[in-house]
Amino acid sequence: MNKMERIRKINVEKLISLLDHLWNSGVDYVDISKKPDTEEEDVLGISFCREYMDEDYKHLFEEFNESELSDDSSETEEKIEVKLSDDDLNQLI
């Protein structure tokens, strides 16, 4: 039996804004990870590598400014955090 893990209370506006920025910068694919934050909200990490980018944009990979994409510059390991709810994920599928 497949067990679906719930990701709670993700800010849709921030997620859409981030994904739009990545798409417009040539990112075709992302990896999504979940890190428990509090009992009320979870942290969603989004990452990508050069191979996930459109061929025409790969040369810009090194120019990505992590602080431009991160809401919290004090984060060291996960630079991009976007909140996404269970319903939001189901709508994306």
Protein backbone atom coordinates (compact mmCIF):
# COMPACT_ATOMS: atom_id res chain seq x y z
CA MET A 1 0.00 0.00 0.00
CA ASN A 2 1.36 3.44 -0.93
CA LYS A 3 1.46 5.92 1.90
CA MET A 4 1.09 9.56 0.88
CA GLU A 5 2.77 12.01 3.20
CA ARG A 6 0.94 15.26 3.75
CA ILE A 7 2.70 18.57 3.21
CA ARG A 8 0.78 21.26 5.08
CA LYS A 9 0.03 24.94 4.71
CA ILE A 10 2.21 25.99 1.76
CA ASN A 11 1.89 29.59 0.53
CA VAL A 12 0.57 29.27 -3.03
CA GLU A 13 1.50 32.82 -4.05
CA LYS A 14 5.16 32.28 -3.11
CA LEU A 15 5.23 28.88 -4.80
CA ILE A 16 3.79 30.17 -8.05
CA SER A 17 6.09 33.19 -8.00
CA LEU A 18 9.14 31.01 -7.44
CA LEU A 19 8.19 28.47 -10.11
CA ASP A 20 7.41 31.28 -12.56
CA HIS A 21 10.83 32.85 -11.89
CA LEU A 22 12.58 29.50 -12.37
CA TRP A 23 10.64 28.74 -15.57
CA ASN A 24 11.44 32.17 -17.02
CA SER A 25 15.10 31.55 -16.15
CA GLY A 26 15.22 28.33 -18.16
CA VAL A 27 14.59 25.71 -15.46
CA ASP A 28 12.50 22.87 -16.90
CA TYR A 29 12.54 20.48 -13.90
CA VAL A 30 12.91 20.74 -10.12
CA ASP A 31 13.39 18.35 -7.21
CA ILE A 32 10.95 18.86 -4.34
CA SER A 33 11.70 17.84 -0.77
CA LYS A 34 9.85 18.22 2.52
CA LYS A 35 11.30 19.18 5.86
CA PRO A 36 9.04 19.31 8.95
CA ASP A 37 8.99 22.84 10.31
CA THR A 38 6.27 23.13 12.92
CA GLU A 39 3.07 21.32 13.75
CA GLU A 40 1.14 23.88 11.69
CA GLU A 41 3.37 24.29 8.62
CA ASP A 42 5.95 22.33 6.66
CA VAL A 43 8.90 23.58 4.64
CA LEU A 44 9.07 22.63 0.98
CA GLY A 45 12.52 22.68 -0.59
CA ILE A 46 12.91 23.15 -4.33
CA SER A 47 16.25 22.52 -6.00
CA PHE A 48 17.59 22.05 -9.51
CA CYS A 49 20.85 21.42 -11.32
CA ARG A 50 22.30 22.44 -14.68
CA GLU A 51 20.90 19.28 -16.32
CA TYR A 52 17.36 20.39 -15.41
CA MET A 53 17.73 23.57 -17.46
CA ASP A 54 16.83 24.26 -21.07
CA GLU A 55 19.89 23.97 -23.34
CA ASP A 56 19.64 27.66 -24.28
CA TYR A 57 19.90 28.70 -20.61
CA LYS A 58 22.49 26.28 -19.19
CA HIS A 59 25.25 28.86 -19.60
CA LEU A 60 23.39 31.04 -17.05
CA PHE A 61 23.40 28.36 -14.32
CA GLU A 62 26.37 29.87 -12.46
CA GLU A 63 24.74 33.31 -12.54
CA PHE A 64 21.75 32.25 -10.43
CA ASN A 65 21.73 34.32 -7.26
CA GLU A 66 20.61 32.08 -4.39
CA SER A 67 19.74 35.04 -2.17
CA GLU A 68 17.39 36.25 -4.90
CA LEU A 69 15.46 32.96 -4.70
CA SER A 70 15.50 32.45 -0.95
CA ASP A 71 12.99 33.91 1.49
CA ASP A 72 15.33 33.35 4.41
CA SER A 73 19.00 34.12 3.78
CA SER A 74 19.95 32.50 7.11
CA GLU A 75 19.20 29.05 5.65
CA THR A 76 22.43 27.34 4.68
CA GLU A 77 21.41 23.98 3.25
CA GLU A 78 18.00 24.61 1.72
CA LYS A 79 18.00 28.01 0.06
CA ILE A 80 14.54 27.92 -1.49
CA GLU A 81 11.56 27.31 0.75
CA VAL A 82 7.99 27.43 -0.45
CA LYS A 83 4.91 26.33 1.46
CA LEU A 84 2.50 23.98 -0.41
CA SER A 85 -0.69 22.38 0.96
CA ASP A 86 -1.98 18.87 0.32
CA ASP A 87 -4.78 20.27 -1.82
CA ASP A 88 -2.28 22.32 -3.83
CA LEU A 89 -0.22 19.23 -4.61
CA ASN A 90 -3.31 17.29 -5.65
CA GLN A 91 -4.28 20.11 -8.02
CA LEU A 92 -0.83 19.95 -9.66
CA ILE A 93 -1.18 16.23 -10.45
